[in-house]
């Protein structure tokens, strides 16, 4: 009986301690997001609209601590997910160094990946420190590449599906946002 109680207690402990969902406060964030959520600061946020692609708004983000005059910038992606029962805004923020890397990645995908068919299911993706993802995958059945943005790492509803023909416009919007940071 004693062994049964000990085994049950250990099993319950393991179940409850390791089965926890990740806490939202542990979410990976960009440097700009970390700047924005600092406590004890008076933060001004300015969203400069750059453009929209497939319903995803792209903005240059300017942050300033009005007390210390410290500043931070980034690019904000905002997408309104809607279906018959749910409406939710998905947001991602990239730091200036990540925007530069994203532009280079998208240009490489556009020039070297999308023009060629793959033999097998293949994925190519860029990921930011906050979990934002941009990339493509080869659908063997359709024999074509599908392209996408994924604004939130663990949220399947944060996908923005693009076409290869949308890449030039996306790159143009990112370059414009980069110039406004």
N, C-alpha and C. Protein backbone atom coordinates (compact mmCIF):
# COMPACT_ATOMS: atom_id res chain seq x y z
N UNK A 1 0.83 -1.20 0.00
CA UNK A 1 0.00 0.00 0.00
C UNK A 1 0.87 1.26 0.00
N UNK A 2 1.95 1.22 0.81
CA UNK A 2 2.84 2.37 0.89
C UNK A 2 3.52 2.64 -0.46
N UNK A 3 3.92 1.55 -1.13
CA UNK A 3 4.56 1.69 -2.45
C UNK A 3 3.58 2.28 -3.46
N UNK A 4 2.34 1.87 -3.39
CA UNK A 4 1.32 2.38 -4.29
C UNK A 4 1.11 3.88 -4.09
N UNK A 5 1.06 4.33 -2.85
CA UNK A 5 0.91 5.75 -2.56
C UNK A 5 2.10 6.55 -3.05
N UNK A 6 3.30 6.05 -2.82
CA UNK A 6 4.51 6.75 -3.25
C UNK A 6 4.56 6.82 -4.77
N UNK A 7 4.25 5.71 -5.44
CA UNK A 7 4.26 5.67 -6.90
C UNK A 7 3.21 6.63 -7.46
N UNK A 8 2.03 6.64 -6.87
CA UNK A 8 0.96 7.55 -7.32
C UNK A 8 1.37 9.00 -7.12
N UNK A 9 1.95 9.32 -5.97
CA UNK A 9 2.38 10.69 -5.70
C UNK A 9 3.45 11.14 -6.68
N UNK A 10 4.43 10.29 -6.95
CA UNK A 10 5.48 10.64 -7.91
C UNK A 10 4.92 10.82 -9.32
N UNK A 11 3.99 9.96 -9.68
CA UNK A 11 3.37 10.07 -11.01
C UNK A 11 2.61 11.38 -11.15
N UNK A 12 1.84 11.74 -10.13
CA UNK A 12 1.10 13.01 -10.17
C UNK A 12 2.04 14.20 -10.20
N UNK A 13 3.12 14.13 -9.40
CA UNK A 13 4.10 15.21 -9.39
C UNK A 13 4.71 15.39 -10.78
N UNK A 14 5.12 14.28 -11.41
CA UNK A 14 5.71 14.35 -12.74
C UNK A 14 4.72 14.89 -13.76
N UNK A 15 3.48 14.44 -13.66
CA UNK A 15 2.46 14.88 -14.60
C UNK A 15 2.23 16.39 -14.50
N UNK A 16 2.06 16.89 -13.28
CA UNK A 16 1.75 18.31 -13.11
C UNK A 16 2.95 19.22 -13.29
N UNK A 17 4.15 18.75 -13.01
CA UNK A 17 5.31 19.62 -13.16
C UNK A 17 5.83 19.68 -14.57
N UNK A 18 5.74 18.58 -15.32
CA UNK A 18 6.28 18.58 -16.68
C UNK A 18 5.22 18.81 -17.73
N UNK A 19 3.98 18.78 -17.39
CA UNK A 19 2.89 18.93 -18.35
C UNK A 19 2.39 20.35 -18.45
N UNK A 20 3.12 21.30 -17.90
CA UNK A 20 2.68 22.68 -17.91
C UNK A 20 2.86 23.31 -19.28
N UNK A 21 1.88 24.10 -19.67
CA UNK A 21 1.98 24.87 -20.91
C UNK A 21 2.96 26.02 -20.67
N UNK A 22 3.69 26.45 -21.71
CA UNK A 22 4.61 27.57 -21.53
C UNK A 22 3.86 28.82 -21.09
N UNK A 23 4.40 29.52 -20.14
CA UNK A 23 3.79 30.74 -19.63
C UNK A 23 3.99 31.86 -20.64
N UNK A 24 2.96 32.68 -20.84
CA UNK A 24 3.05 33.75 -21.84
C UNK A 24 4.14 34.76 -21.50
N UNK A 25 4.49 34.89 -20.19
CA UNK A 25 5.54 35.83 -19.84
C UNK A 25 6.92 35.30 -20.24
N UNK A 26 7.01 34.00 -20.55
CA UNK A 26 8.26 33.41 -21.00
C UNK A 26 8.42 33.49 -22.51
N UNK A 27 7.48 34.11 -23.20
CA UNK A 27 7.51 34.21 -24.66
C UNK A 27 8.77 34.95 -25.09
N UNK A 28 9.41 34.43 -26.11
CA UNK A 28 10.59 35.10 -26.66
C UNK A 28 10.15 36.43 -27.28
N UNK A 29 10.95 37.45 -27.08
CA UNK A 29 10.59 38.77 -27.58
C UNK A 29 11.77 39.40 -28.31
N UNK A 30 11.44 40.34 -29.19
CA UNK A 30 12.47 41.13 -29.85
C UNK A 30 13.02 42.14 -28.84
N UNK A 31 14.14 42.74 -29.17
CA UNK A 31 14.70 43.78 -28.30
C UNK A 31 13.75 44.97 -28.18
N UNK A 32 13.07 45.30 -29.28
CA UNK A 32 12.11 46.42 -29.25
C UNK A 32 10.94 46.09 -28.32
N UNK A 33 10.45 44.85 -28.36
CA UNK A 33 9.35 44.47 -27.46
C UNK A 33 9.81 44.52 -26.00
N UNK A 34 11.02 44.06 -25.74
CA UNK A 34 11.55 44.13 -24.37
C UNK A 34 11.68 45.57 -23.91
N UNK A 35 12.10 46.46 -24.78
CA UNK A 35 12.20 47.88 -24.48
C UNK A 35 10.81 48.43 -24.13
N UNK A 36 9.83 48.03 -24.92
CA UNK A 36 8.46 48.53 -24.79
C UNK A 36 7.79 48.12 -23.48
N UNK A 37 8.12 46.96 -22.95
CA UNK A 37 7.41 46.45 -21.76
C UNK A 37 8.16 46.70 -20.45
N UNK A 38 9.26 47.42 -20.50
CA UNK A 38 10.00 47.70 -19.27
C UNK A 38 9.13 48.46 -18.29
N UNK A 39 9.17 48.05 -17.05
CA UNK A 39 8.36 48.73 -16.04
C UNK A 39 9.10 49.95 -15.52
N UNK A 40 8.34 50.88 -14.98
CA UNK A 40 8.92 52.09 -14.42
C UNK A 40 9.40 53.08 -15.46
N UNK A 41 8.95 52.94 -16.68
CA UNK A 41 9.36 53.82 -17.78
C UNK A 41 8.13 54.49 -18.39
N UNK A 42 8.32 55.63 -18.95
CA UNK A 42 7.27 56.33 -19.68
C UNK A 42 7.61 56.20 -21.16
N UNK A 43 6.93 55.27 -21.83
CA UNK A 43 7.27 54.91 -23.22
C UNK A 43 6.26 55.50 -24.20
N UNK A 44 6.80 56.19 -25.21
CA UNK A 44 5.97 56.67 -26.33
C UNK A 44 6.18 55.69 -27.48
N UNK A 45 5.06 55.23 -28.07
CA UNK A 45 5.09 54.31 -29.20
C UNK A 45 4.49 55.01 -30.41
N UNK A 46 5.22 55.00 -31.51
CA UNK A 46 4.74 55.60 -32.74
C UNK A 46 4.75 54.52 -33.83
N UNK A 47 3.58 54.29 -34.44
CA UNK A 47 3.43 53.31 -35.51
C UNK A 47 3.29 54.07 -36.83
N UNK A 48 4.28 53.94 -37.71
CA UNK A 48 4.26 54.62 -39.00
C UNK A 48 3.85 53.60 -40.06
N UNK A 49 2.67 53.79 -40.63
CA UNK A 49 2.16 52.83 -41.62
C UNK A 49 3.02 52.86 -42.88
N UNK A 50 3.39 51.67 -43.33
CA UNK A 50 4.22 51.53 -44.53
C UNK A 50 3.39 50.96 -45.67
N UNK A 51 2.60 49.94 -45.39
CA UNK A 51 1.78 49.32 -46.42
C UNK A 51 1.19 48.01 -45.93
N UNK A 52 0.41 47.39 -46.81
CA UNK A 52 -0.29 46.15 -46.47
C UNK A 52 -0.05 45.13 -47.58
N UNK A 53 0.12 43.87 -47.16
CA UNK A 53 0.23 42.77 -48.11
C UNK A 53 -0.61 41.60 -47.60
N UNK A 54 -1.55 41.17 -48.40
CA UNK A 54 -2.45 40.06 -48.06
C UNK A 54 -3.10 40.26 -46.69
N UNK A 55 -3.49 41.48 -46.38
CA UNK A 55 -4.16 41.78 -45.12
C UNK A 55 -3.23 41.98 -43.94
N UNK A 56 -1.93 41.86 -44.17
CA UNK A 56 -0.94 42.05 -43.10
C UNK A 56 -0.36 43.46 -43.21
N UNK A 57 -0.60 44.26 -42.19
CA UNK A 57 -0.11 45.64 -42.18
C UNK A 57 1.34 45.66 -41.69
N UNK A 58 2.17 46.41 -42.39
CA UNK A 58 3.58 46.56 -42.03
C UNK A 58 3.81 48.00 -41.62
N UNK A 59 4.43 48.18 -40.44
CA UNK A 59 4.65 49.51 -39.89
C UNK A 59 6.07 49.65 -39.37
N UNK A 60 6.61 50.85 -39.47
CA UNK A 60 7.87 51.16 -38.78
C UNK A 60 7.47 51.54 -37.36
N UNK A 61 8.20 51.03 -36.38
CA UNK A 61 7.88 51.25 -34.97
C UNK A 61 8.98 52.09 -34.33
N UNK A 62 8.58 53.20 -33.72
CA UNK A 62 9.52 54.06 -33.00
C UNK A 62 9.12 54.06 -31.53
N UNK A 63 10.06 53.74 -30.67
CA UNK A 63 9.82 53.73 -29.23
C UNK A 63 10.79 54.69 -28.56
N UNK A 64 10.30 55.43 -27.57
CA UNK A 64 11.17 56.34 -26.84
C UNK A 64 10.77 56.37 -25.37
N UNK A 65 11.76 56.23 -24.49
CA UNK A 65 11.55 56.45 -23.07
C UNK A 65 11.62 57.95 -22.88
N UNK A 66 10.51 58.57 -22.52
CA UNK A 66 10.43 60.02 -22.44
C UNK A 66 11.20 60.60 -21.25
N UNK A 67 11.59 59.75 -20.31
CA UNK A 67 12.37 60.22 -19.17
C UNK A 67 13.86 60.17 -19.47
N UNK A 68 14.34 59.00 -19.91
CA UNK A 68 15.78 58.85 -20.16
C UNK A 68 16.18 59.24 -21.59
N UNK A 69 15.20 59.43 -22.47
CA UNK A 69 15.40 59.76 -23.89
C UNK A 69 16.03 58.59 -24.67
N UNK A 70 16.04 57.42 -24.09
CA UNK A 70 16.53 56.22 -24.77
C UNK A 70 15.51 55.85 -25.86
N UNK A 71 16.01 55.34 -27.00
CA UNK A 71 15.13 55.02 -28.14
C UNK A 71 15.38 53.60 -28.64
N UNK A 72 14.35 53.07 -29.30
CA UNK A 72 14.45 51.77 -29.95
C UNK A 72 13.53 51.80 -31.17
N UNK A 73 13.84 50.99 -32.16
CA UNK A 73 13.03 50.93 -33.38
C UNK A 73 12.82 49.48 -33.79
N UNK A 74 11.91 49.29 -34.72
CA UNK A 74 11.65 47.96 -35.25
C UNK A 74 10.64 48.04 -36.37
N UNK A 75 10.29 46.88 -36.90
CA UNK A 75 9.21 46.78 -37.88
C UNK A 75 8.12 45.91 -37.28
N UNK A 76 6.90 46.40 -37.33
CA UNK A 76 5.75 45.71 -36.74
C UNK A 76 4.89 45.13 -37.86
N UNK A 77 4.54 43.86 -37.71
CA UNK A 77 3.61 43.18 -38.60
C UNK A 77 2.32 42.97 -37.81
N UNK A 78 1.19 43.32 -38.41
CA UNK A 78 -0.09 43.17 -37.71
C UNK A 78 -1.09 42.53 -38.67
N UNK A 79 -1.73 41.46 -38.22
CA UNK A 79 -2.67 40.72 -39.06
C UNK A 79 -3.91 40.40 -38.25
N UNK A 80 -5.06 40.70 -38.81
CA UNK A 80 -6.34 40.41 -38.15
C UNK A 80 -6.85 39.06 -38.63
N UNK A 81 -6.80 38.06 -37.73
CA UNK A 81 -7.31 36.73 -38.06
C UNK A 81 -8.80 36.71 -37.78
N UNK A 82 -9.57 36.24 -38.74
CA UNK A 82 -11.02 36.14 -38.57
C UNK A 82 -11.53 34.83 -39.14
N UNK A 83 -12.45 34.22 -38.40
CA UNK A 83 -13.26 33.14 -38.95
C UNK A 83 -14.66 33.34 -38.42
N UNK A 84 -15.54 32.37 -38.58
CA UNK A 84 -16.94 32.58 -38.21
C UNK A 84 -17.16 32.82 -36.72
N UNK A 85 -16.26 32.36 -35.87
CA UNK A 85 -16.48 32.51 -34.43
C UNK A 85 -15.40 33.29 -33.69
N UNK A 86 -14.27 33.56 -34.33
CA UNK A 86 -13.15 34.18 -33.63
C UNK A 86 -12.57 35.33 -34.46
N UNK A 87 -12.19 36.39 -33.76
CA UNK A 87 -11.45 37.48 -34.36
C UNK A 87 -10.29 37.80 -33.42
N UNK A 88 -9.09 37.85 -33.94
CA UNK A 88 -7.92 38.04 -33.09
C UNK A 88 -6.83 38.76 -33.88
N UNK A 89 -6.13 39.67 -33.24
CA UNK A 89 -5.04 40.40 -33.89
C UNK A 89 -3.72 39.72 -33.56
N UNK A 90 -2.97 39.38 -34.58
CA UNK A 90 -1.66 38.75 -34.45
C UNK A 90 -0.60 39.81 -34.74
N UNK A 91 0.45 39.83 -33.90
CA UNK A 91 1.47 40.87 -34.01
C UNK A 91 2.86 40.26 -33.90
N UNK A 92 3.79 40.78 -34.70
CA UNK A 92 5.20 40.41 -34.58
C UNK A 92 6.01 41.69 -34.73
N UNK A 93 7.11 41.77 -33.99
CA UNK A 93 8.01 42.92 -34.08
C UNK A 93 9.42 42.40 -34.35
N UNK A 94 10.05 42.96 -35.38
CA UNK A 94 11.43 42.60 -35.71
C UNK A 94 12.35 43.78 -35.43
N UNK A 95 13.53 43.48 -34.93
CA UNK A 95 14.54 44.49 -34.67
C UNK A 95 15.23 44.87 -35.98
N UNK A 96 15.90 46.03 -36.03
CA UNK A 96 16.55 46.46 -37.27
C UNK A 96 17.52 45.43 -37.87
N UNK A 97 18.31 44.75 -37.05
CA UNK A 97 19.23 43.74 -37.58
C UNK A 97 18.48 42.56 -38.20
N UNK A 98 17.32 42.24 -37.63
CA UNK A 98 16.52 41.14 -38.17
C UNK A 98 15.84 41.53 -39.47
N UNK A 99 15.45 42.79 -39.59
CA UNK A 99 14.83 43.26 -40.84
C UNK A 99 15.83 43.15 -41.98
N UNK A 100 17.07 43.54 -41.72
CA UNK A 100 18.13 43.43 -42.74
C UNK A 100 18.32 41.96 -43.14
N UNK A 101 18.37 41.07 -42.16
CA UNK A 101 18.54 39.63 -42.44
C UNK A 101 17.32 39.07 -43.17
N UNK A 102 16.12 39.53 -42.82
CA UNK A 102 14.91 39.06 -43.49
C UNK A 102 14.91 39.48 -44.96
N UNK A 103 15.28 40.72 -45.24
CA UNK A 103 15.33 41.19 -46.63
C UNK A 103 16.31 40.35 -47.44
N UNK A 104 17.50 40.10 -46.89
CA UNK A 104 18.49 39.26 -47.58
C UNK A 104 17.94 37.85 -47.82
N UNK A 105 17.27 37.30 -46.80
CA UNK A 105 16.71 35.95 -46.92
C UNK A 105 15.63 35.88 -47.99
N UNK A 106 14.73 36.87 -47.99
CA UNK A 106 13.65 36.88 -48.99
C UNK A 106 14.20 37.02 -50.41
N UNK A 107 15.23 37.85 -50.57
CA UNK A 107 15.86 38.00 -51.90
C UNK A 107 16.50 36.69 -52.35
N UNK A 108 17.14 35.99 -51.41
CA UNK A 108 17.77 34.71 -51.75
C UNK A 108 16.71 33.66 -52.11
N UNK A 109 15.64 33.61 -51.34
CA UNK A 109 14.54 32.68 -51.64
C UNK A 109 13.97 32.98 -53.02
N UNK A 110 13.74 34.27 -53.28
CA UNK A 110 13.16 34.68 -54.56
C UNK A 110 14.07 34.32 -55.74
N UNK A 111 15.37 34.53 -55.59
CA UNK A 111 16.30 34.33 -56.71
C UNK A 111 16.74 32.88 -56.88
N UNK A 112 16.93 32.16 -55.76
CA UNK A 112 17.55 30.83 -55.85
C UNK A 112 16.66 29.65 -55.52
N UNK A 113 15.64 29.85 -54.71
CA UNK A 113 14.81 28.72 -54.26
C UNK A 113 13.55 28.58 -55.11
N UNK A 114 12.77 29.64 -55.22
CA UNK A 114 11.47 29.57 -55.90
C UNK A 114 11.54 29.20 -57.38
N UNK A 115 12.58 29.59 -58.11
CA UNK A 115 12.61 29.23 -59.54
C UNK A 115 12.82 27.73 -59.81
N UNK A 116 13.27 26.97 -58.82
CA UNK A 116 13.59 25.57 -59.04
C UNK A 116 12.65 24.66 -58.27
N UNK A 117 12.20 23.60 -58.92
CA UNK A 117 11.36 22.60 -58.25
C UNK A 117 12.24 21.71 -57.38
N UNK A 118 11.67 21.24 -56.30
CA UNK A 118 12.38 20.30 -55.43
C UNK A 118 11.87 18.89 -55.70
N UNK A 119 12.69 17.90 -55.42
CA UNK A 119 12.28 16.51 -55.64
C UNK A 119 11.41 15.99 -54.51
N UNK A 120 11.61 16.52 -53.30
CA UNK A 120 10.92 16.05 -52.12
C UNK A 120 10.30 17.24 -51.38
N UNK A 121 9.48 16.94 -50.38
CA UNK A 121 8.94 18.02 -49.56
C UNK A 121 10.13 18.75 -48.94
N UNK A 122 10.16 20.06 -49.12
CA UNK A 122 11.30 20.87 -48.66
C UNK A 122 10.78 22.16 -48.04
N UNK A 123 11.41 22.57 -46.95
CA UNK A 123 11.07 23.84 -46.31
C UNK A 123 12.31 24.72 -46.26
N UNK A 124 12.10 26.02 -46.45
CA UNK A 124 13.17 27.02 -46.31
C UNK A 124 12.55 28.15 -45.50
N UNK A 125 13.19 28.52 -44.37
CA UNK A 125 12.57 29.56 -43.54
C UNK A 125 13.59 30.42 -42.83
N UNK A 126 13.16 31.65 -42.57
CA UNK A 126 13.88 32.62 -41.75
C UNK A 126 13.11 32.73 -40.44
N UNK A 127 13.81 32.74 -39.31
CA UNK A 127 13.14 32.90 -38.02
C UNK A 127 13.81 33.99 -37.21
N UNK A 128 13.00 34.86 -36.62
CA UNK A 128 13.52 35.94 -35.77
C UNK A 128 13.63 35.47 -34.32
N UNK A 129 14.23 36.29 -33.48
CA UNK A 129 14.38 35.90 -32.07
C UNK A 129 13.04 35.81 -31.35
N UNK A 130 12.00 36.49 -31.85
CA UNK A 130 10.69 36.43 -31.21
C UNK A 130 9.82 35.29 -31.74
N UNK A 131 10.29 34.59 -32.77
CA UNK A 131 9.52 33.47 -33.31
C UNK A 131 8.83 33.77 -34.63
N UNK A 132 8.89 35.01 -35.10
CA UNK A 132 8.36 35.35 -36.43
C UNK A 132 9.06 34.47 -37.45
N UNK A 133 8.32 34.03 -38.46
CA UNK A 133 8.92 33.17 -39.48
C UNK A 133 8.44 33.60 -40.86
N UNK A 134 9.33 33.54 -41.82
CA UNK A 134 8.99 33.81 -43.22
C UNK A 134 9.70 32.76 -44.04
N UNK A 135 9.00 32.20 -45.02
CA UNK A 135 9.65 31.18 -45.81
C UNK A 135 8.74 30.57 -46.85
N UNK A 136 9.12 29.36 -47.23
CA UNK A 136 8.37 28.65 -48.26
C UNK A 136 8.52 27.15 -48.06
N UNK A 137 7.64 26.41 -48.68
CA UNK A 137 7.74 24.95 -48.67
C UNK A 137 7.30 24.44 -50.04
N UNK A 138 7.90 23.33 -50.44
CA UNK A 138 7.57 22.77 -51.75
C UNK A 138 6.52 21.69 -51.58
N UNK A 139 5.38 21.89 -52.23
CA UNK A 139 4.28 20.94 -52.21
C UNK A 139 4.48 19.98 -53.38
N UNK A 140 4.84 18.74 -53.07
CA UNK A 140 5.15 17.74 -54.11
C UNK A 140 3.92 17.44 -54.96
N UNK A 141 2.74 17.41 -54.34
CA UNK A 141 1.51 17.11 -55.10
C UNK A 141 1.20 18.22 -56.12
N UNK A 142 1.34 19.47 -55.70
CA UNK A 142 1.07 20.61 -56.60
C UNK A 142 2.27 20.94 -57.48
N UNK A 143 3.42 20.40 -57.12
CA UNK A 143 4.67 20.68 -57.81
C UNK A 143 4.94 22.18 -57.86
N UNK A 144 4.75 22.83 -56.70
CA UNK A 144 4.92 24.28 -56.63
C UNK A 144 5.31 24.68 -55.21
N UNK A 145 5.97 25.83 -55.11
CA UNK A 145 6.34 26.40 -53.81
C UNK A 145 5.18 27.20 -53.26
N UNK A 146 4.94 27.09 -51.96
CA UNK A 146 3.98 27.93 -51.25
C UNK A 146 4.79 28.81 -50.31
N UNK A 147 4.44 30.08 -50.23
CA UNK A 147 5.20 31.03 -49.41
C UNK A 147 4.30 31.55 -48.29
N UNK A 148 4.92 31.99 -47.20
CA UNK A 148 4.13 32.40 -46.04
C UNK A 148 4.92 33.31 -45.10
N UNK A 149 4.17 33.99 -44.24
CA UNK A 149 4.69 34.66 -43.06
C UNK A 149 3.97 34.00 -41.89
N UNK A 150 4.64 33.80 -40.79
CA UNK A 150 4.00 33.30 -39.57
C UNK A 150 4.39 34.27 -38.46
N UNK A 151 3.41 35.00 -37.96
CA UNK A 151 3.71 36.08 -37.03
C UNK A 151 4.02 35.60 -35.61
N UNK A 152 3.35 34.56 -35.15
CA UNK A 152 3.56 34.08 -33.79
C UNK A 152 3.98 32.61 -33.81
N UNK A 153 5.03 32.31 -33.08
CA UNK A 153 5.68 31.00 -33.14
C UNK A 153 4.73 29.82 -32.87
N UNK A 154 3.91 29.90 -31.83
CA UNK A 154 3.09 28.76 -31.44
C UNK A 154 1.62 28.92 -31.81
N UNK A 155 1.33 29.74 -32.82
CA UNK A 155 -0.06 30.02 -33.17
C UNK A 155 -0.30 29.75 -34.65
N UNK A 156 -0.99 28.67 -34.94
CA UNK A 156 -1.30 28.29 -36.31
C UNK A 156 -2.23 29.26 -37.01
N UNK A 157 -2.87 30.15 -36.24
CA UNK A 157 -3.77 31.14 -36.83
C UNK A 157 -3.05 32.42 -37.23
N UNK A 158 -1.72 32.44 -37.06
CA UNK A 158 -0.98 33.66 -37.38
C UNK A 158 -0.28 33.58 -38.75
N UNK A 159 -0.64 32.60 -39.56
CA UNK A 159 -0.08 32.48 -40.91
C UNK A 159 -0.69 33.51 -41.85
N UNK A 160 0.14 34.09 -42.69
CA UNK A 160 -0.29 34.92 -43.80
C UNK A 160 0.28 34.24 -45.04
N UNK A 161 -0.58 33.64 -45.83
CA UNK A 161 -0.10 32.91 -47.01
C UNK A 161 0.06 33.87 -48.19
N UNK A 162 1.22 33.77 -48.83
CA UNK A 162 1.58 34.63 -49.94
C UNK A 162 1.75 33.81 -51.20
N UNK A 163 1.95 34.50 -52.29
CA UNK A 163 2.34 33.85 -53.54
C UNK A 163 3.76 34.32 -53.85
N UNK A 164 4.46 33.56 -54.64
CA UNK A 164 5.83 33.95 -55.00
C UNK A 164 5.85 35.34 -55.62
N UNK A 165 4.79 35.68 -56.34
CA UNK A 165 4.70 36.99 -56.99
C UNK A 165 4.56 38.13 -55.97
N UNK A 166 4.24 37.81 -54.70
CA UNK A 166 4.12 38.84 -53.66
C UNK A 166 5.47 39.23 -53.06
N UNK A 167 6.51 38.42 -53.29
CA UNK A 167 7.81 38.69 -52.67
C UNK A 167 8.40 40.06 -53.04
N UNK A 168 8.35 40.48 -54.31
CA UNK A 168 8.90 41.81 -54.61
C UNK A 168 8.21 42.92 -53.83
N UNK A 169 6.89 42.85 -53.69
CA UNK A 169 6.16 43.87 -52.94
C UNK A 169 6.53 43.80 -51.45
N UNK A 170 6.65 42.61 -50.90
CA UNK A 170 7.03 42.45 -49.49
C UNK A 170 8.42 43.03 -49.25
N UNK A 171 9.35 42.72 -50.12
CA UNK A 171 10.71 43.25 -49.99
C UNK A 171 10.69 44.77 -50.08
N UNK A 172 9.92 45.30 -51.01
CA UNK A 172 9.81 46.76 -51.18
C UNK A 172 9.25 47.41 -49.90
N UNK A 173 8.23 46.81 -49.30
CA UNK A 173 7.65 47.35 -48.06
C UNK A 173 8.65 47.30 -46.91
N UNK A 174 9.44 46.23 -46.84
CA UNK A 174 10.43 46.09 -45.77
C UNK A 174 11.56 47.11 -45.94
N UNK A 175 11.99 47.33 -47.17
CA UNK A 175 13.03 48.33 -47.43
C UNK A 175 12.51 49.72 -47.06
N UNK A 176 11.26 49.99 -47.41
CA UNK A 176 10.65 51.29 -47.08
C UNK A 176 10.56 51.45 -45.55
N UNK A 177 10.13 50.39 -44.85
CA UNK A 177 10.03 50.43 -43.38
C UNK A 177 11.40 50.63 -42.76
N UNK A 178 12.40 49.98 -43.34
CA UNK A 178 13.77 50.09 -42.86
C UNK A 178 14.24 51.55 -42.95
N UNK A 179 13.88 52.22 -44.01
CA UNK A 179 14.24 53.62 -44.19
C UNK A 179 13.51 54.56 -43.23
N UNK A 180 12.40 54.11 -42.69
CA UNK A 180 11.61 54.94 -41.76
C UNK A 180 11.97 54.68 -40.29
N UNK A 181 12.85 53.71 -40.05
CA UNK A 181 13.20 53.41 -38.65
C UNK A 181 14.18 54.42 -38.11
